[in-house]
Amino acid sequence: MAAENQPCYHCGLPIPAGVDFPVEIEHARREMCCAGCQAVAQAIVDNGLADYYRHRDAMPESPREALPQIVADFGLFGRMCAASPA
């Protein structure tokens, strides 16, 4: 069980109290915040890509951080489609 206020090993978000989604990475139990992070981390390990965790230099971008750029990209796409002749 994760210690209170411990960040998720995969995404860095806080781990809610009472959850238990561990993954063994490089012979150590690593705590995850949710089943999604657990599944992704386990897939990374199962496919021989555990070096990802050793070499990453930042946590993954959260959807909230990425959303403004995605919205802007869709806006550009919409303007391009509207300007195209039918």
N, C-alpha and C. Protein backbone atom coordinates (compact mmCIF):
# COMPACT_ATOMS: atom_id res chain seq x y z
N MET A 1 0.85 -1.18 0.00
CA MET A 1 0.00 0.00 0.00
C MET A 1 0.89 1.24 0.00
N ALA A 2 0.51 2.24 -0.80
CA ALA A 2 1.29 3.47 -0.92
C ALA A 2 1.21 4.30 0.35
N ALA A 3 2.31 4.97 0.65
CA ALA A 3 2.30 5.91 1.77
C ALA A 3 1.46 7.12 1.38
N GLU A 4 0.82 7.74 2.35
CA GLU A 4 -0.02 8.90 2.08
C GLU A 4 0.79 10.01 1.42
N ASN A 5 0.19 10.67 0.42
CA ASN A 5 0.80 11.77 -0.33
C ASN A 5 1.96 11.34 -1.22
N GLN A 6 2.13 10.06 -1.41
CA GLN A 6 3.19 9.58 -2.31
C GLN A 6 2.71 9.79 -3.75
N PRO A 7 3.58 10.29 -4.63
CA PRO A 7 3.16 10.46 -6.03
C PRO A 7 3.17 9.13 -6.79
N CYS A 8 2.33 9.05 -7.78
CA CYS A 8 2.29 7.89 -8.67
C CYS A 8 3.64 7.79 -9.38
N TYR A 9 4.18 6.59 -9.42
CA TYR A 9 5.48 6.39 -10.06
C TYR A 9 5.41 6.64 -11.56
N HIS A 10 4.24 6.44 -12.16
CA HIS A 10 4.12 6.62 -13.61
C HIS A 10 3.81 8.06 -14.00
N CYS A 11 2.77 8.65 -13.41
CA CYS A 11 2.32 9.98 -13.87
C CYS A 11 2.65 11.12 -12.91
N GLY A 12 2.96 10.81 -11.66
CA GLY A 12 3.32 11.84 -10.70
C GLY A 12 2.17 12.44 -9.92
N LEU A 13 0.92 12.06 -10.25
CA LEU A 13 -0.22 12.57 -9.49
C LEU A 13 -0.25 11.93 -8.11
N PRO A 14 -0.90 12.56 -7.15
CA PRO A 14 -1.00 11.96 -5.81
C PRO A 14 -1.76 10.64 -5.86
N ILE A 15 -1.35 9.72 -5.04
CA ILE A 15 -2.03 8.43 -4.95
C ILE A 15 -3.13 8.55 -3.90
N PRO A 16 -4.40 8.32 -4.30
CA PRO A 16 -5.50 8.43 -3.32
C PRO A 16 -5.35 7.40 -2.20
N ALA A 17 -5.83 7.76 -1.04
CA ALA A 17 -5.79 6.84 0.11
C ALA A 17 -6.56 5.58 -0.22
N GLY A 18 -6.03 4.46 0.18
CA GLY A 18 -6.73 3.19 0.07
C GLY A 18 -6.59 2.48 -1.27
N VAL A 19 -5.89 3.05 -2.24
CA VAL A 19 -5.73 2.35 -3.51
C VAL A 19 -4.45 1.52 -3.48
N ASP A 20 -4.45 0.45 -4.27
CA ASP A 20 -3.29 -0.45 -4.30
C ASP A 20 -3.12 -0.96 -5.72
N PHE A 21 -2.31 -0.25 -6.51
CA PHE A 21 -2.04 -0.60 -7.90
C PHE A 21 -0.54 -0.68 -8.13
N PRO A 22 0.13 -1.66 -7.52
CA PRO A 22 1.59 -1.73 -7.65
C PRO A 22 2.03 -2.38 -8.96
N VAL A 23 3.25 -2.05 -9.37
CA VAL A 23 3.93 -2.70 -10.49
C VAL A 23 5.38 -2.90 -10.05
N GLU A 24 5.92 -4.08 -10.32
CA GLU A 24 7.34 -4.31 -10.01
C GLU A 24 8.17 -3.79 -11.18
N ILE A 25 9.00 -2.82 -10.88
CA ILE A 25 9.87 -2.21 -11.89
C ILE A 25 11.29 -2.28 -11.38
N GLU A 26 12.15 -2.96 -12.13
CA GLU A 26 13.56 -3.13 -11.76
C GLU A 26 13.69 -3.67 -10.34
N HIS A 27 12.95 -4.72 -10.05
CA HIS A 27 13.01 -5.45 -8.78
C HIS A 27 12.53 -4.64 -7.57
N ALA A 28 11.75 -3.61 -7.82
CA ALA A 28 11.20 -2.82 -6.72
C ALA A 28 9.71 -2.58 -6.96
N ARG A 29 8.95 -2.62 -5.87
CA ARG A 29 7.51 -2.34 -5.95
C ARG A 29 7.32 -0.84 -6.12
N ARG A 30 6.63 -0.46 -7.18
CA ARG A 30 6.34 0.94 -7.45
C ARG A 30 4.83 1.14 -7.39
N GLU A 31 4.40 2.19 -6.73
CA GLU A 31 2.98 2.44 -6.53
C GLU A 31 2.42 3.34 -7.64
N MET A 32 1.22 2.99 -8.10
CA MET A 32 0.53 3.75 -9.13
C MET A 32 -0.77 4.30 -8.55
N CYS A 33 -1.27 5.37 -9.16
CA CYS A 33 -2.47 6.04 -8.64
C CYS A 33 -3.77 5.41 -9.12
N CYS A 34 -3.73 4.65 -10.22
CA CYS A 34 -4.97 4.11 -10.77
C CYS A 34 -4.67 2.89 -11.63
N ALA A 35 -5.73 2.21 -12.04
CA ALA A 35 -5.58 1.03 -12.88
C ALA A 35 -5.00 1.38 -14.25
N GLY A 36 -5.27 2.59 -14.74
CA GLY A 36 -4.72 3.02 -16.03
C GLY A 36 -3.21 3.12 -15.99
N CYS A 37 -2.69 3.80 -14.97
CA CYS A 37 -1.23 3.91 -14.82
C CYS A 37 -0.61 2.55 -14.58
N GLN A 38 -1.29 1.71 -13.81
CA GLN A 38 -0.79 0.37 -13.56
C GLN A 38 -0.69 -0.41 -14.88
N ALA A 39 -1.72 -0.34 -15.70
CA ALA A 39 -1.73 -1.06 -16.97
C ALA A 39 -0.63 -0.57 -17.92
N VAL A 40 -0.47 0.74 -18.00
CA VAL A 40 0.56 1.30 -18.89
C VAL A 40 1.95 0.93 -18.37
N ALA A 41 2.18 1.09 -17.08
CA ALA A 41 3.48 0.75 -16.50
C ALA A 41 3.79 -0.73 -16.68
N GLN A 42 2.79 -1.58 -16.48
CA GLN A 42 3.01 -3.02 -16.65
C GLN A 42 3.31 -3.34 -18.11
N ALA A 43 2.64 -2.68 -19.04
CA ALA A 43 2.92 -2.89 -20.46
C ALA A 43 4.34 -2.45 -20.80
N ILE A 44 4.78 -1.34 -20.24
CA ILE A 44 6.14 -0.86 -20.46
C ILE A 44 7.14 -1.91 -19.99
N VAL A 45 6.94 -2.43 -18.79
CA VAL A 45 7.83 -3.44 -18.23
C VAL A 45 7.77 -4.73 -19.03
N ASP A 46 6.55 -5.20 -19.34
CA ASP A 46 6.37 -6.46 -20.05
C ASP A 46 6.99 -6.45 -21.45
N ASN A 47 7.12 -5.27 -22.03
CA ASN A 47 7.69 -5.16 -23.37
C ASN A 47 9.17 -4.79 -23.36
N GLY A 48 9.80 -4.93 -22.17
CA GLY A 48 11.24 -4.73 -22.07
C GLY A 48 11.67 -3.27 -22.16
N LEU A 49 10.77 -2.35 -21.80
CA LEU A 49 11.06 -0.94 -21.94
C LEU A 49 11.20 -0.21 -20.60
N ALA A 50 11.53 -0.94 -19.54
CA ALA A 50 11.63 -0.34 -18.21
C ALA A 50 12.69 0.75 -18.13
N ASP A 51 13.62 0.78 -19.09
CA ASP A 51 14.61 1.87 -19.12
C ASP A 51 13.93 3.23 -19.26
N TYR A 52 12.71 3.25 -19.76
CA TYR A 52 11.95 4.51 -19.86
C TYR A 52 11.97 5.24 -18.52
N TYR A 53 11.72 4.50 -17.44
CA TYR A 53 11.66 5.13 -16.12
C TYR A 53 13.02 5.62 -15.65
N ARG A 54 14.06 4.95 -16.04
CA ARG A 54 15.41 5.34 -15.62
C ARG A 54 15.89 6.58 -16.37
N HIS A 55 15.46 6.73 -17.62
CA HIS A 55 16.00 7.80 -18.46
C HIS A 55 15.08 9.01 -18.62
N ARG A 56 13.83 8.92 -18.19
CA ARG A 56 12.95 10.08 -18.37
C ARG A 56 13.45 11.24 -17.52
N ASP A 57 13.23 12.44 -18.02
CA ASP A 57 13.71 13.62 -17.29
C ASP A 57 12.56 14.49 -16.79
N ALA A 58 11.32 14.04 -17.02
CA ALA A 58 10.15 14.78 -16.53
C ALA A 58 8.96 13.82 -16.50
N MET A 59 7.97 14.18 -15.73
CA MET A 59 6.74 13.39 -15.71
C MET A 59 5.96 13.67 -17.00
N PRO A 60 5.12 12.72 -17.41
CA PRO A 60 4.32 12.94 -18.61
C PRO A 60 3.41 14.14 -18.45
N GLU A 61 3.11 14.79 -19.56
CA GLU A 61 2.20 15.92 -19.56
C GLU A 61 0.80 15.43 -19.22
N SER A 62 0.12 16.13 -18.32
CA SER A 62 -1.24 15.72 -17.97
C SER A 62 -2.21 16.17 -19.04
N PRO A 63 -3.34 15.49 -19.18
CA PRO A 63 -4.33 15.92 -20.17
C PRO A 63 -4.77 17.37 -19.97
N ARG A 64 -4.83 17.83 -18.73
CA ARG A 64 -5.22 19.23 -18.48
C ARG A 64 -4.21 20.19 -19.07
N GLU A 65 -2.92 19.85 -19.02
CA GLU A 65 -1.89 20.71 -19.59
C GLU A 65 -1.92 20.65 -21.12
N ALA A 66 -2.22 19.50 -21.68
CA ALA A 66 -2.22 19.32 -23.13
C ALA A 66 -3.48 19.87 -23.78
N LEU A 67 -4.58 19.94 -23.06
CA LEU A 67 -5.86 20.32 -23.64
C LEU A 67 -5.85 21.64 -24.37
N PRO A 68 -5.30 22.74 -23.84
CA PRO A 68 -5.33 24.00 -24.59
C PRO A 68 -4.69 23.88 -25.97
N GLN A 69 -3.59 23.15 -26.09
CA GLN A 69 -2.94 22.99 -27.40
C GLN A 69 -3.80 22.15 -28.32
N ILE A 70 -4.43 21.12 -27.80
CA ILE A 70 -5.30 20.29 -28.61
C ILE A 70 -6.47 21.11 -29.15
N VAL A 71 -7.06 21.93 -28.29
CA VAL A 71 -8.17 22.78 -28.71
C VAL A 71 -7.69 23.74 -29.79
N ALA A 72 -6.53 24.33 -29.62
CA ALA A 72 -5.99 25.24 -30.62
C ALA A 72 -5.74 24.52 -31.95
N ASP A 73 -5.22 23.30 -31.87
CA ASP A 73 -4.97 22.52 -33.08
C ASP A 73 -6.27 22.21 -33.82
N PHE A 74 -7.31 21.85 -33.09
CA PHE A 74 -8.61 21.58 -33.72
C PHE A 74 -9.17 22.85 -34.34
N GLY A 75 -8.98 23.98 -33.69
CA GLY A 75 -9.45 25.24 -34.25
C GLY A 75 -8.78 25.53 -35.58
N LEU A 76 -7.49 25.31 -35.67
CA LEU A 76 -6.76 25.52 -36.92
C LEU A 76 -7.28 24.57 -37.99
N PHE A 77 -7.50 23.32 -37.62
CA PHE A 77 -8.01 22.31 -38.55
C PHE A 77 -9.38 22.73 -39.07
N GLY A 78 -10.23 23.22 -38.18
CA GLY A 78 -11.56 23.65 -38.57
C GLY A 78 -11.51 24.81 -39.54
N ARG A 79 -10.61 25.77 -39.31
CA ARG A 79 -10.47 26.92 -40.21
C ARG A 79 -9.95 26.48 -41.56
N MET A 80 -9.03 25.51 -41.57
CA MET A 80 -8.48 25.02 -42.84
C MET A 80 -9.57 24.30 -43.65
N CYS A 81 -10.39 23.49 -42.98
CA CYS A 81 -11.45 22.76 -43.67
C CYS A 81 -12.51 23.71 -44.20
N ALA A 82 -12.83 24.74 -43.46
CA ALA A 82 -13.85 25.70 -43.88
C ALA A 82 -13.37 26.50 -45.09
N ALA A 83 -12.07 26.72 -45.21
CA ALA A 83 -11.52 27.51 -46.31
C ALA A 83 -11.34 26.68 -47.58
N SER A 84 -11.38 25.36 -47.47
CA SER A 84 -11.19 24.49 -48.62
C SER A 84 -12.44 24.48 -49.50
N PRO A 85 -12.25 24.56 -50.82
CA PRO A 85 -13.42 24.47 -51.70
C PRO A 85 -13.99 23.07 -51.70
N ALA A 86 -15.28 22.97 -51.82
CA ALA A 86 -15.95 21.66 -51.81
C ALA A 86 -15.91 21.00 -53.15
